[in-house]
Amino acid sequence: MNDEQTSRDRFGRRRIALGALTAAIVCASLVAGLLTGSGSNSSSGGEGSVGPTAASAAVSQPKGPSPSRGLGPTVLAGQRTIIGFQGTSIPASVRRGVAQGRIGGVILFSDNIPSRSAVRSLTARLQGIERPRALRRYPLLVMTDQEGGLVKRLAGAPNSSAAEMGRRGAAYSRGQGRLTGRNLKNAGINVNLAPVLDIGRPGGNIAETGRAFGSTPAAVTRTAVPFARAMQAAGAAATAKHFPGLGSVRLNTDDAVQKIRLSKAALRRSDQAVYRPFIRSGGALVMVGTAIYPAFSPRPAAFEKKIVTGELRRRLGFRGVTITDALGTVAARAFGSPRQITLVAARAGMDLMLFSDVSSALRGQDSMAGRLREGKLNRPAFNASVDRILRLRSKYAR
């Protein structure tokens, strides 16, 4: 994902407005189905069902004691909520939300990171907020976009774009991953929203901006996976993005609804193929995008159970943490309010809901907590999601 301010500077307010208008026209007929959970996957054992199917339980339930046991609906929903805010002063709403267990992590943008000393102070203050007793052993997730090249929030490694790392080979990208992990950990950041695993197709936004490691699955795998493994070994969790593949889009999904009209076979053969080695290497997180893939569904990928649970978890076997792309962007907003789209994403199987503003995030958190309290979200699946998140937080403790 990109910083919204950067996107506005690049594409202009006029394009954003036009994208929003187009999205509203194209997607209005789909909103009702999204909110009620209707559609081809509404009875397939997700969060909206009475109980998980055997297959969904197999991918959802981690082994070992449940770290989420005993947590109430408000705190459970909070651990699935990621927020952003402006500047280096922690807003009162964020302090309160963290202290109440309503916020599980934060995303930092460029204006949160004016200098290394400032961000180290900020992350230390965030982690120092006293949380509910059951959560004190689990540091907050503190994440940023540190891809390299055009998308880089913190000074220092990586010292090259993904495209350059791809050209220079596996040894170089591995070294950059190690340096990036150290750089982030030193700043108090424990999750990097990178690497981009999208195939850099000619004419696509990802390739044109230098964010792709290569133009073929083999080229991406050869350099992106070593980058991710080395970064994780150095102390920062890697996030592969944007599943199931964003290499074909012409515009950033922050600014316009995008449809990728590749067949299921083509997506599986090419765009999704790079996720297998990432998963096998122990990749911690996968970000699911908000583009629409008509071969699977008229819904954005992060809202579609066939993609999140069916393709990523069941077909590819991913057992780590899933995170949405930004839910405040044009592509996401076209499908409903923060409360509505948070529920849709949860039912699809997403673990973490990413918002760049506090108020939207807390509205989404309230919605999840309320539905969970009413028995309208699957409690075992919800707990399994929080278990994955808390285990991740424990592993990448500051």
Protein backbone atom coordinates (compact mmCIF):
# COMPACT_ATOMS: atom_id res chain seq x y z
CA MET A 1 0.00 0.00 0.00
CA ASN A 2 1.04 3.65 -0.39
CA ASP A 3 0.85 6.62 1.95
CA GLU A 4 -2.47 8.33 1.10
CA GLN A 5 -0.85 11.74 1.00
CA THR A 6 1.76 10.48 -1.45
CA SER A 7 -0.98 8.98 -3.58
CA ARG A 8 -2.91 12.23 -3.65
CA ASP A 9 0.16 14.15 -4.68
CA ARG A 10 0.83 11.73 -7.46
CA PHE A 11 -2.57 11.13 -8.94
CA GLY A 12 -4.34 14.34 -7.97
CA ARG A 13 -7.59 14.97 -6.20
CA ARG A 14 -9.52 14.90 -9.44
CA ARG A 15 -8.64 11.30 -10.16
CA ILE A 16 -9.53 10.23 -6.63
CA ALA A 17 -12.91 11.90 -6.90
CA LEU A 18 -13.52 10.33 -10.29
CA GLY A 19 -12.46 6.93 -8.98
CA ALA A 20 -14.83 7.22 -6.05
CA LEU A 21 -17.74 8.20 -8.30
CA THR A 22 -17.03 5.35 -10.70
CA ALA A 23 -16.69 2.88 -7.84
CA ALA A 24 -20.00 3.92 -6.36
CA ILE A 25 -21.78 3.43 -9.67
CA VAL A 26 -20.16 0.09 -10.45
CA CYS A 27 -20.42 -1.42 -6.98
CA ALA A 28 -23.70 -0.16 -5.53
CA SER A 29 -25.59 -3.33 -6.43
CA LEU A 30 -23.09 -5.47 -4.54
CA VAL A 31 -23.21 -3.74 -1.17
CA ALA A 32 -26.37 -5.41 0.12
CA GLY A 33 -24.97 -8.87 -0.57
CA LEU A 34 -21.71 -8.04 1.17
CA LEU A 35 -23.40 -6.79 4.31
CA THR A 36 -25.77 -9.72 4.70
CA GLY A 37 -23.09 -12.28 3.92
CA SER A 38 -25.10 -13.56 0.97
CA GLY A 39 -23.46 -14.94 -2.10
CA SER A 40 -21.74 -18.12 -3.17
CA ASN A 41 -19.64 -18.46 -0.03
CA SER A 42 -22.04 -17.37 2.68
CA SER A 43 -22.56 -20.87 4.04
CA SER A 44 -19.04 -22.19 3.70
CA GLY A 45 -18.11 -22.28 7.36
CA GLY A 46 -16.74 -18.78 7.87
CA GLU A 47 -17.12 -16.33 10.74
CA GLY A 48 -20.78 -15.80 9.98
CA SER A 49 -21.70 -19.47 10.31
CA VAL A 50 -22.75 -21.38 13.41
CA GLY A 51 -19.58 -23.45 13.42
CA PRO A 52 -16.51 -23.99 11.26
CA THR A 53 -16.38 -26.78 8.75
CA ALA A 54 -13.73 -29.44 9.21
CA ALA A 55 -11.63 -27.90 6.46
CA SER A 56 -11.82 -24.38 7.84
CA ALA A 57 -11.06 -25.61 11.34
CA ALA A 58 -7.97 -27.36 10.03
CA VAL A 59 -6.48 -24.17 8.65
CA SER A 60 -7.78 -21.85 11.35
CA GLN A 61 -6.89 -23.64 14.59
CA PRO A 62 -3.22 -23.33 15.60
CA LYS A 63 -1.65 -25.94 17.86
CA GLY A 64 -0.90 -25.41 21.56
CA PRO A 65 -2.64 -23.47 24.33
CA SER A 66 -4.84 -20.62 23.19
CA PRO A 67 -3.36 -17.23 24.16
CA SER A 68 -6.74 -15.60 23.52
CA ARG A 69 -8.57 -17.76 26.06
CA GLY A 70 -10.52 -15.65 28.52
CA LEU A 71 -10.48 -12.44 26.48
CA GLY A 72 -13.82 -10.69 26.05
CA PRO A 73 -15.35 -9.56 22.75
CA THR A 74 -14.05 -5.98 22.97
CA VAL A 75 -10.45 -7.05 23.52
CA LEU A 76 -10.64 -9.87 20.99
CA ALA A 77 -11.86 -7.47 18.31
CA GLY A 78 -9.24 -4.92 19.33
CA GLN A 79 -6.39 -7.33 18.68
CA ARG A 80 -7.52 -7.52 15.05
CA THR A 81 -7.47 -3.75 14.62
CA ILE A 82 -4.56 -1.73 13.20
CA ILE A 83 -4.71 2.07 13.18
CA GLY A 84 -2.77 5.01 11.83
CA PHE A 85 -2.47 8.59 13.06
CA GLN A 86 -0.58 11.74 12.17
CA GLY A 87 2.60 13.11 13.67
CA THR A 88 4.75 12.01 16.59
CA SER A 89 2.34 12.81 19.42
CA ILE A 90 0.11 9.91 20.39
CA PRO A 91 -3.54 11.04 20.23
CA ALA A 92 -5.63 10.59 23.36
CA SER A 93 -7.98 8.29 21.41
CA VAL A 94 -5.06 6.00 20.59
CA ARG A 95 -3.77 5.95 24.17
CA ARG A 96 -7.26 5.16 25.40
CA GLY A 97 -7.83 2.51 22.72
CA VAL A 98 -4.57 0.71 23.44
CA ALA A 99 -5.16 0.85 27.21
CA GLN A 100 -8.64 -0.63 26.77
CA GLY A 101 -7.45 -3.39 24.46
CA ARG A 102 -9.32 -1.94 21.49
CA ILE A 103 -6.20 -1.48 19.34
CA GLY A 104 -3.71 -4.23 18.55
CA GLY A 105 -1.20 -2.32 16.48
CA VAL A 106 -0.30 0.81 14.56
CA ILE A 107 0.96 1.64 11.09
CA LEU A 108 3.52 4.41 10.75
CA PHE A 109 3.68 6.71 7.72
CA SER A 110 6.27 9.27 6.72
CA ASP A 111 4.89 12.01 8.95
CA ASN A 112 5.28 9.71 11.97
CA ILE A 113 8.98 9.30 11.17
CA PRO A 114 10.64 12.71 10.84
CA SER A 115 13.89 11.26 12.22
CA ARG A 116 15.26 8.06 13.70
CA SER A 117 15.32 9.47 17.23
CA ALA A 118 11.72 10.64 16.88
CA VAL A 119 10.43 7.27 15.74
CA ARG A 120 12.36 5.41 18.44
CA SER A 121 10.78 7.66 21.02
CA LEU A 122 7.34 7.21 19.47
CA THR A 123 7.50 3.41 19.34
CA ALA A 124 8.81 3.24 22.91
CA ARG A 125 5.93 5.42 24.12
CA LEU A 126 3.41 3.31 22.23
CA GLN A 127 4.75 0.08 23.73
CA GLY A 128 4.81 1.74 27.16
CA ILE A 129 1.05 2.29 27.26
CA GLU A 130 -0.32 0.01 29.95
CA ARG A 131 -2.62 -2.58 28.42
CA PRO A 132 -5.02 -5.11 29.95
CA ARG A 133 -3.09 -7.62 32.06
CA ALA A 134 -3.67 -10.52 29.67
CA LEU A 135 -1.99 -8.57 26.84
CA ARG A 136 1.08 -7.19 28.59
CA ARG A 137 3.37 -9.95 27.38
CA TYR A 138 2.41 -9.25 23.77
CA PRO A 139 3.93 -6.07 22.31
CA LEU A 140 1.85 -4.01 19.93
CA LEU A 141 2.36 -4.63 16.26
CA VAL A 142 4.20 -1.58 14.91
CA MET A 143 4.39 -1.68 11.13
CA THR A 144 5.39 0.43 8.17
CA ASP A 145 5.96 0.22 4.40
CA GLN A 146 9.71 -0.17 3.96
CA GLU A 147 9.89 -1.64 0.47
CA GLY A 148 12.80 0.48 -0.77
CA GLY A 149 12.77 2.82 -3.74
CA LEU A 150 9.65 5.00 -3.94
CA VAL A 151 7.94 3.35 -0.97
CA LYS A 152 10.18 3.83 2.02
CA ARG A 153 9.29 5.54 5.31
CA LEU A 154 12.50 5.22 7.32
CA ALA A 155 16.01 6.30 6.32
CA GLY A 156 18.48 3.50 5.75
CA ALA A 157 18.02 -0.01 4.39
CA PRO A 158 16.85 -1.20 2.03
CA ASN A 159 19.15 0.90 -0.05
CA SER A 160 17.60 -0.20 -3.35
CA SER A 161 14.19 -0.64 -4.90
CA ALA A 162 12.71 -4.09 -5.35
CA ALA A 163 13.46 -3.82 -9.07
CA GLU A 164 17.15 -3.19 -8.39
CA MET A 165 17.34 -6.00 -5.85
CA GLY A 166 15.81 -8.27 -8.45
CA ARG A 167 18.42 -7.27 -11.01
CA ARG A 168 21.34 -7.68 -8.60
CA GLY A 169 20.39 -11.16 -7.48
CA ALA A 170 19.67 -13.30 -4.42
CA ALA A 171 22.85 -12.60 -2.46
CA TYR A 172 22.34 -8.86 -2.71
CA SER A 173 18.63 -8.99 -1.82
CA ARG A 174 19.42 -11.27 1.12
CA GLY A 175 21.92 -8.73 2.41
CA GLN A 176 19.39 -5.94 1.98
CA GLY A 177 16.81 -7.99 3.88
CA ARG A 178 19.19 -8.46 6.78
CA LEU A 179 20.04 -4.74 6.89
CA THR A 180 16.37 -3.82 6.63
CA GLY A 181 15.41 -6.06 9.53
CA ARG A 182 18.09 -4.49 11.71
CA ASN A 183 17.10 -1.00 10.62
CA LEU A 184 13.47 -1.53 11.52
CA LYS A 185 14.12 -3.34 14.77
CA ASN A 186 16.43 -0.55 15.86
CA ALA A 187 13.57 1.90 15.33
CA GLY A 188 11.09 -0.20 17.31
CA ILE A 189 9.22 -1.44 14.22
CA ASN A 190 8.45 -5.17 14.25
CA VAL A 191 6.51 -5.66 11.00
CA ASN A 192 7.45 -4.58 7.49
CA LEU A 193 4.65 -4.42 4.90
CA ALA A 194 7.05 -5.86 2.34
CA PRO A 195 8.15 -7.56 0.16
CA VAL A 196 5.92 -7.00 -2.84
CA LEU A 197 5.40 -10.37 -4.54
CA ASP A 198 3.42 -8.98 -7.46
CA ILE A 199 4.61 -9.97 -10.92
CA GLY A 200 5.94 -6.87 -12.69
CA ARG A 201 3.89 -7.00 -15.85
CA PRO A 202 4.74 -4.42 -18.54
CA GLY A 203 2.52 -1.35 -18.27
CA GLY A 204 1.35 -2.26 -14.78
CA ASN A 205 1.60 0.22 -11.93
CA ILE A 206 3.80 -2.12 -9.86
CA ALA A 207 6.42 -2.50 -12.60
CA GLU A 208 6.38 1.17 -13.60
CA THR A 209 7.09 2.28 -10.05
CA GLY A 210 9.96 -0.17 -9.52
CA ARG A 211 8.11 -2.12 -6.81
CA ALA A 212 8.41 -5.55 -8.48
CA PHE A 213 11.35 -7.89 -7.93
CA GLY A 214 10.88 -9.32 -11.40
CA SER A 215 8.58 -9.94 -14.35
CA THR A 216 8.21 -13.71 -13.87
CA PRO A 217 7.32 -15.88 -10.86
CA ALA A 218 10.82 -17.39 -10.89
CA ALA A 219 12.51 -13.99 -10.88
CA VAL A 220 10.35 -12.71 -8.01
CA THR A 221 10.88 -15.87 -5.98
CA ARG A 222 14.64 -15.87 -6.53
CA THR A 223 15.14 -12.49 -4.86
CA ALA A 224 12.04 -11.53 -2.84
CA VAL A 225 12.01 -14.68 -0.70
CA PRO A 226 15.67 -14.36 0.40
CA PHE A 227 14.95 -10.70 1.27
CA ALA A 228 12.00 -11.76 3.43
CA ARG A 229 13.81 -14.61 5.18
CA ALA A 230 16.83 -12.50 6.05
CA MET A 231 14.67 -9.66 7.30
CA GLN A 232 12.73 -11.97 9.60
CA ALA A 233 15.95 -13.50 10.93
CA ALA A 234 17.08 -9.96 11.80
CA GLY A 235 13.94 -9.24 13.80
CA ALA A 236 11.21 -7.77 11.56
CA ALA A 237 8.28 -9.85 10.32
CA ALA A 238 7.79 -9.92 6.54
CA THR A 239 4.47 -9.27 4.81
CA ALA A 240 4.04 -10.61 1.29
CA LYS A 241 1.68 -8.49 -0.82
CA HIS A 242 -0.73 -8.06 -2.56
CA PHE A 243 -2.45 -11.47 -2.72
CA PRO A 244 -3.66 -12.86 -5.09
CA GLY A 245 -1.52 -10.62 -7.34
CA LEU A 246 -1.65 -6.93 -8.27
CA GLY A 247 0.86 -6.85 -11.12
CA SER A 248 -1.78 -6.21 -13.77
CA VAL A 249 -3.36 -3.07 -12.34
CA ARG A 250 -2.85 0.23 -14.18
CA LEU A 251 -3.73 2.44 -11.19
CA ASN A 252 -3.07 2.06 -7.49
CA THR A 253 -6.05 0.60 -5.62
CA ASP A 254 -5.65 3.44 -3.10
CA ASP A 255 -7.10 5.70 -5.78
CA ALA A 256 -9.45 3.67 -7.97
CA VAL A 257 -11.35 0.40 -8.10
CA GLN A 258 -9.32 -2.02 -10.22
CA LYS A 259 -10.49 -5.24 -11.86
CA ILE A 260 -7.99 -7.94 -12.85
CA ARG A 261 -9.56 -10.09 -15.53
CA LEU A 262 -7.13 -12.99 -15.49
CA SER A 263 -8.51 -16.53 -15.34
CA LYS A 264 -8.23 -18.63 -12.21
CA ALA A 265 -5.71 -20.82 -13.99
CA ALA A 266 -3.53 -17.86 -14.96
CA LEU A 267 -3.63 -16.38 -11.46
CA ARG A 268 -2.74 -19.70 -9.87
CA ARG A 269 -0.01 -20.49 -12.39
CA SER A 270 1.69 -17.10 -12.21
CA ASP A 271 0.60 -14.54 -9.62
CA GLN A 272 -0.12 -16.95 -6.78
CA ALA A 273 2.81 -19.25 -7.51
CA VAL A 274 5.28 -16.94 -5.75
CA TYR A 275 3.43 -17.32 -2.46
CA ARG A 276 4.25 -21.02 -2.08
CA PRO A 277 7.99 -20.50 -1.50
CA PHE A 278 7.27 -17.52 0.77
CA ILE A 279 4.94 -19.68 2.85
CA ARG A 280 7.38 -22.60 2.93
CA SER A 281 10.17 -20.28 4.07
CA GLY A 282 8.15 -19.27 7.13
CA GLY A 283 6.81 -15.93 5.88
CA ALA A 284 4.87 -14.35 8.73
CA LEU A 285 2.09 -12.31 7.10
CA VAL A 286 0.26 -11.99 3.81
CA MET A 287 -1.55 -8.82 2.79
CA VAL A 288 -4.67 -9.40 0.70
CA GLY A 289 -5.44 -6.62 -1.75
CA THR A 290 -8.64 -4.77 -2.60
CA ALA A 291 -8.63 -5.26 -6.35
CA ILE A 292 -11.51 -7.28 -7.82
CA TYR A 293 -10.88 -10.64 -9.53
CA PRO A 294 -14.02 -11.49 -11.55
CA ALA A 295 -12.80 -15.07 -12.04
CA PHE A 296 -13.44 -15.56 -8.34
CA SER A 297 -15.95 -12.92 -7.27
CA PRO A 298 -17.34 -9.41 -7.83
CA ARG A 299 -16.02 -8.50 -4.36
CA PRO A 300 -12.58 -7.06 -3.59
CA ALA A 301 -10.16 -9.85 -2.73
CA ALA A 302 -9.94 -9.04 1.00
CA PHE A 303 -13.73 -9.37 1.24
CA GLU A 304 -13.97 -12.70 -0.57
CA LYS A 305 -13.83 -16.00 1.33
CA LYS A 306 -13.04 -17.96 -1.82
CA ILE A 307 -9.80 -16.01 -2.08
CA VAL A 308 -8.75 -15.53 1.56
CA THR A 309 -9.78 -18.89 2.98
CA GLY A 310 -10.11 -20.94 -0.19
CA GLU A 311 -7.04 -19.93 -2.19
CA LEU A 312 -4.59 -18.64 0.41
CA ARG A 313 -5.31 -20.88 3.36
CA ARG A 314 -6.71 -24.11 1.93
CA ARG A 315 -5.04 -24.33 -1.48
CA LEU A 316 -1.67 -22.77 -0.61
CA GLY A 317 -1.62 -23.83 3.04
CA PHE A 318 -0.83 -20.47 4.64
CA ARG A 319 -1.12 -20.62 8.45
CA GLY A 320 0.27 -17.22 9.33
CA VAL A 321 -1.45 -13.87 9.81
CA THR A 322 -3.49 -12.22 7.08
CA ILE A 323 -3.85 -8.44 6.89
CA THR A 324 -6.04 -6.33 4.67
CA ASP A 325 -4.70 -3.61 2.44
CA ALA A 326 -5.84 -0.19 3.62
CA LEU A 327 -9.59 -0.14 4.27
CA GLY A 328 -9.93 3.62 3.94
CA THR A 329 -9.08 3.76 0.25
CA VAL A 330 -11.38 4.22 -2.74
CA ALA A 331 -11.37 0.53 -3.62
CA ALA A 332 -12.52 -0.44 -0.10
CA ARG A 333 -14.86 2.48 0.63
CA ALA A 334 -16.91 1.67 -2.47
CA PHE A 335 -18.26 -1.39 -0.68
CA GLY A 336 -19.56 0.13 2.52
CA SER A 337 -18.86 1.94 5.76
CA PRO A 338 -15.97 1.01 8.09
CA ARG A 339 -18.39 -1.00 10.22
CA GLN A 340 -19.70 -2.90 7.22
CA ILE A 341 -16.47 -3.68 5.44
CA THR A 342 -14.77 -4.77 8.66
CA LEU A 343 -17.43 -7.43 9.14
CA VAL A 344 -17.19 -8.52 5.52
CA ALA A 345 -13.41 -8.87 5.76
CA ALA A 346 -13.67 -10.81 9.03
CA ARG A 347 -16.17 -13.22 7.51
CA ALA A 348 -13.86 -13.73 4.53
CA GLY A 349 -11.12 -14.88 6.90
CA MET A 350 -8.95 -11.79 7.31
CA ASP A 351 -7.11 -11.57 10.64
CA LEU A 352 -5.97 -7.92 10.82
CA MET A 353 -8.04 -4.95 9.65
CA LEU A 354 -5.84 -2.04 8.57
CA PHE A 355 -7.13 1.53 8.77
CA SER A 356 -5.09 4.70 8.39
CA ASP A 357 -7.32 6.68 10.77
CA VAL A 358 -8.41 6.03 14.32
CA SER A 359 -12.13 6.80 14.13
CA SER A 360 -12.81 4.40 11.23
CA ALA A 361 -10.78 1.68 12.89
CA LEU A 362 -12.63 1.98 16.18
CA ARG A 363 -16.00 1.92 14.41
CA GLY A 364 -14.93 -1.30 12.72
CA GLN A 365 -13.69 -2.70 16.02
CA ASP A 366 -17.01 -1.88 17.70
CA SER A 367 -18.85 -3.63 14.90
CA MET A 368 -16.81 -6.83 15.27
CA ALA A 369 -17.12 -6.81 19.06
CA GLY A 370 -20.88 -6.29 18.89
CA ARG A 371 -21.50 -9.08 16.40
CA LEU A 372 -19.24 -11.42 18.36
CA ARG A 373 -21.11 -10.62 21.59
CA GLU A 374 -24.43 -11.32 19.84
CA GLY A 375 -23.21 -14.67 18.55
CA LYS A 376 -23.28 -13.50 14.92
CA LEU A 377 -19.58 -14.15 14.35
CA ASN A 378 -18.04 -17.58 14.77
CA ARG A 379 -16.30 -17.53 18.19
CA PRO A 380 -13.84 -20.44 17.58
CA ALA A 381 -12.73 -18.90 14.27
CA PHE A 382 -12.45 -15.48 15.89
CA ASN A 383 -10.29 -16.83 18.72
CA ALA A 384 -8.11 -18.74 16.27
CA SER A 385 -7.49 -15.50 14.40
CA VAL A 386 -6.47 -13.69 17.58
CA ASP A 387 -4.27 -16.64 18.58
CA ARG A 388 -2.31 -16.29 15.34
CA ILE A 389 -1.90 -12.56 15.94
CA LEU A 390 -0.78 -12.91 19.56
CA ARG A 391 1.73 -15.62 18.67
CA LEU A 392 3.15 -13.34 16.00
CA ARG A 393 3.44 -10.51 18.51
CA SER A 394 5.20 -12.77 20.98
CA LYS A 395 7.68 -14.01 18.39
CA TYR A 396 8.63 -10.52 17.21
CA ALA A 397 8.73 -8.91 20.64
CA ARG A 398 10.69 -5.68 20.71
